[in-house]
Amino acid sequence: MADDFSFEIVESVGTVAEGKGGWNLELNLVSWGGRPAKYDLRSWSPDHQKMGKGITLTKEELIALKGVLEKI
């Protein structure tokens, strides 16, 4: 099953925070397993070959999250 794991960063939207050892918290548009790309927020290693846990959102979910964050 692990051999089927694939991803492609279609677009780098931006870096949210710079972390230790070059790992950065980034918002990217990512295609997971060849499926349509979704917005993805997670930590990435400098070469983008390793990643931490994160969340994946559709465009509609990202827009809804933006609305919630604007209330802070």
N, C-alpha and C. Protein backbone atom coordinates (compact mmCIF):
# COMPACT_ATOMS: atom_id res chain seq x y z
N MET A 1 0.83 -1.19 0.00
CA MET A 1 0.00 0.00 0.00
C MET A 1 0.87 1.25 0.00
N ALA A 2 1.96 1.24 0.77
CA ALA A 2 2.82 2.41 0.85
C ALA A 2 3.43 2.74 -0.51
N ASP A 3 3.58 1.72 -1.37
CA ASP A 3 4.14 1.97 -2.69
C ASP A 3 3.21 2.79 -3.57
N ASP A 4 1.89 2.79 -3.25
CA ASP A 4 0.92 3.53 -4.03
C ASP A 4 0.86 5.00 -3.64
N PHE A 5 1.56 5.38 -2.58
CA PHE A 5 1.52 6.75 -2.08
C PHE A 5 2.26 7.67 -3.04
N SER A 6 1.55 8.66 -3.56
CA SER A 6 2.19 9.65 -4.42
C SER A 6 1.55 11.00 -4.20
N PHE A 7 2.32 12.03 -4.45
CA PHE A 7 1.81 13.39 -4.33
C PHE A 7 2.57 14.29 -5.29
N GLU A 8 1.93 15.39 -5.64
CA GLU A 8 2.58 16.41 -6.47
C GLU A 8 2.15 17.76 -5.95
N ILE A 9 3.12 18.60 -5.61
CA ILE A 9 2.81 19.97 -5.24
C ILE A 9 2.58 20.73 -6.54
N VAL A 10 1.32 21.06 -6.80
CA VAL A 10 0.93 21.71 -8.03
C VAL A 10 1.26 23.21 -7.98
N GLU A 11 1.07 23.79 -6.79
CA GLU A 11 1.34 25.22 -6.61
C GLU A 11 1.73 25.49 -5.18
N SER A 12 2.80 26.23 -4.96
CA SER A 12 3.19 26.69 -3.63
C SER A 12 2.51 28.02 -3.38
N VAL A 13 1.57 28.04 -2.43
CA VAL A 13 0.82 29.26 -2.14
C VAL A 13 1.62 30.17 -1.23
N GLY A 14 2.22 29.61 -0.18
CA GLY A 14 3.02 30.45 0.70
C GLY A 14 3.48 29.73 1.95
N THR A 15 4.48 30.31 2.60
CA THR A 15 5.01 29.79 3.86
C THR A 15 4.33 30.52 5.01
N VAL A 16 3.77 29.75 5.94
CA VAL A 16 3.08 30.30 7.10
C VAL A 16 4.07 30.54 8.23
N ALA A 17 5.01 29.61 8.42
CA ALA A 17 6.00 29.73 9.49
C ALA A 17 7.25 28.95 9.11
N GLU A 18 8.40 29.47 9.54
CA GLU A 18 9.66 28.77 9.32
C GLU A 18 10.00 28.02 10.60
N GLY A 19 10.34 26.74 10.45
CA GLY A 19 10.61 25.91 11.61
C GLY A 19 12.06 25.53 11.74
N LYS A 20 12.33 24.66 12.71
CA LYS A 20 13.68 24.18 12.98
C LYS A 20 14.16 23.27 11.87
N GLY A 21 15.45 23.30 11.61
CA GLY A 21 16.05 22.39 10.65
C GLY A 21 15.60 22.59 9.22
N GLY A 22 15.05 23.76 8.93
CA GLY A 22 14.64 24.05 7.56
C GLY A 22 13.22 23.62 7.22
N TRP A 23 12.55 22.91 8.14
CA TRP A 23 11.16 22.52 7.91
C TRP A 23 10.27 23.74 8.02
N ASN A 24 9.37 23.91 7.06
CA ASN A 24 8.46 25.05 7.05
C ASN A 24 7.01 24.61 7.00
N LEU A 25 6.16 25.36 7.70
CA LEU A 25 4.72 25.16 7.62
C LEU A 25 4.26 25.91 6.38
N GLU A 26 3.70 25.17 5.41
CA GLU A 26 3.38 25.75 4.11
C GLU A 26 1.94 25.47 3.72
N LEU A 27 1.36 26.40 2.97
CA LEU A 27 0.08 26.20 2.31
C LEU A 27 0.38 25.96 0.84
N ASN A 28 0.00 24.77 0.36
CA ASN A 28 0.26 24.39 -1.02
C ASN A 28 -1.01 23.80 -1.64
N LEU A 29 -1.04 23.78 -2.94
CA LEU A 29 -2.07 23.07 -3.69
C LEU A 29 -1.44 21.74 -4.07
N VAL A 30 -1.98 20.63 -3.52
CA VAL A 30 -1.34 19.33 -3.67
C VAL A 30 -2.31 18.31 -4.26
N SER A 31 -1.81 17.54 -5.21
CA SER A 31 -2.55 16.41 -5.76
C SER A 31 -2.05 15.16 -5.05
N TRP A 32 -2.95 14.46 -4.36
CA TRP A 32 -2.61 13.24 -3.64
C TRP A 32 -3.08 12.04 -4.45
N GLY A 33 -2.19 11.14 -4.77
CA GLY A 33 -2.54 9.93 -5.49
C GLY A 33 -3.14 10.16 -6.86
N GLY A 34 -2.75 11.26 -7.51
CA GLY A 34 -3.25 11.55 -8.84
C GLY A 34 -4.65 12.15 -8.86
N ARG A 35 -5.24 12.39 -7.70
CA ARG A 35 -6.57 12.99 -7.63
C ARG A 35 -6.48 14.50 -7.82
N PRO A 36 -7.61 15.16 -8.05
CA PRO A 36 -7.59 16.63 -8.20
C PRO A 36 -6.94 17.30 -6.99
N ALA A 37 -6.18 18.35 -7.24
CA ALA A 37 -5.43 19.05 -6.19
C ALA A 37 -6.37 19.72 -5.20
N LYS A 38 -5.94 19.72 -3.93
CA LYS A 38 -6.64 20.40 -2.85
C LYS A 38 -5.63 21.25 -2.09
N TYR A 39 -6.13 22.21 -1.33
CA TYR A 39 -5.26 23.04 -0.51
C TYR A 39 -4.81 22.22 0.69
N ASP A 40 -3.54 22.36 1.03
CA ASP A 40 -2.92 21.51 2.04
C ASP A 40 -2.03 22.35 2.93
N LEU A 41 -2.22 22.24 4.23
CA LEU A 41 -1.42 22.97 5.21
C LEU A 41 -0.68 21.96 6.07
N ARG A 42 0.65 21.95 5.95
CA ARG A 42 1.47 21.02 6.74
C ARG A 42 2.93 21.45 6.71
N SER A 43 3.74 20.81 7.57
CA SER A 43 5.18 21.05 7.59
C SER A 43 5.85 20.19 6.53
N TRP A 44 6.82 20.78 5.84
CA TRP A 44 7.58 20.08 4.80
C TRP A 44 9.07 20.22 5.06
N SER A 45 9.80 19.15 4.73
CA SER A 45 11.26 19.21 4.79
C SER A 45 11.74 20.14 3.67
N PRO A 46 12.99 20.61 3.76
CA PRO A 46 13.49 21.54 2.75
C PRO A 46 13.40 21.02 1.31
N ASP A 47 13.55 19.70 1.11
CA ASP A 47 13.49 19.14 -0.24
C ASP A 47 12.09 18.68 -0.64
N HIS A 48 11.11 18.88 0.23
CA HIS A 48 9.71 18.48 0.00
C HIS A 48 9.54 16.99 -0.23
N GLN A 49 10.45 16.17 0.30
CA GLN A 49 10.31 14.72 0.19
C GLN A 49 9.72 14.10 1.45
N LYS A 50 9.77 14.84 2.57
CA LYS A 50 9.19 14.38 3.83
C LYS A 50 8.21 15.44 4.31
N MET A 51 7.19 14.97 5.02
CA MET A 51 6.16 15.90 5.49
C MET A 51 5.68 15.50 6.87
N GLY A 52 5.12 16.49 7.56
CA GLY A 52 4.49 16.24 8.84
C GLY A 52 3.00 16.08 8.66
N LYS A 53 2.30 15.93 9.77
CA LYS A 53 0.85 15.83 9.72
C LYS A 53 0.28 17.19 9.31
N GLY A 54 -0.86 17.15 8.65
CA GLY A 54 -1.47 18.38 8.22
C GLY A 54 -2.94 18.21 7.93
N ILE A 55 -3.50 19.22 7.29
CA ILE A 55 -4.90 19.16 6.90
C ILE A 55 -5.01 19.48 5.41
N THR A 56 -6.00 18.86 4.78
CA THR A 56 -6.26 19.08 3.37
C THR A 56 -7.67 19.61 3.24
N LEU A 57 -7.82 20.70 2.48
CA LEU A 57 -9.11 21.37 2.34
C LEU A 57 -9.46 21.62 0.88
N THR A 58 -10.75 21.54 0.58
CA THR A 58 -11.22 21.97 -0.73
C THR A 58 -11.18 23.49 -0.77
N LYS A 59 -11.35 24.07 -1.94
CA LYS A 59 -11.37 25.53 -2.05
C LYS A 59 -12.51 26.11 -1.21
N GLU A 60 -13.66 25.44 -1.22
CA GLU A 60 -14.81 25.92 -0.46
C GLU A 60 -14.53 25.88 1.04
N GLU A 61 -13.87 24.81 1.51
CA GLU A 61 -13.52 24.71 2.92
C GLU A 61 -12.50 25.77 3.30
N LEU A 62 -11.55 26.05 2.42
CA LEU A 62 -10.53 27.07 2.69
C LEU A 62 -11.18 28.45 2.80
N ILE A 63 -12.15 28.74 1.94
CA ILE A 63 -12.85 30.02 1.98
C ILE A 63 -13.65 30.13 3.28
N ALA A 64 -14.29 29.03 3.69
CA ALA A 64 -15.04 29.03 4.97
C ALA A 64 -14.10 29.25 6.14
N LEU A 65 -12.93 28.61 6.12
CA LEU A 65 -11.93 28.80 7.18
C LEU A 65 -11.47 30.26 7.22
N LYS A 66 -11.26 30.85 6.07
CA LYS A 66 -10.86 32.27 6.00
C LYS A 66 -11.90 33.14 6.72
N GLY A 67 -13.18 32.85 6.47
CA GLY A 67 -14.25 33.61 7.13
C GLY A 67 -14.21 33.46 8.63
N VAL A 68 -13.95 32.26 9.11
CA VAL A 68 -13.85 32.03 10.56
C VAL A 68 -12.66 32.77 11.13
N LEU A 69 -11.52 32.72 10.47
CA LEU A 69 -10.31 33.38 10.95
C LEU A 69 -10.43 34.89 10.97
N GLU A 70 -11.20 35.44 10.06
CA GLU A 70 -11.39 36.90 10.03
C GLU A 70 -12.13 37.41 11.26
N LYS A 71 -12.82 36.53 11.99
CA LYS A 71 -13.55 36.91 13.19
C LYS A 71 -12.64 37.04 14.41
N ILE A 72 -11.40 36.55 14.27
CA ILE A 72 -10.47 36.58 15.42
C ILE A 72 -9.94 38.00 15.59
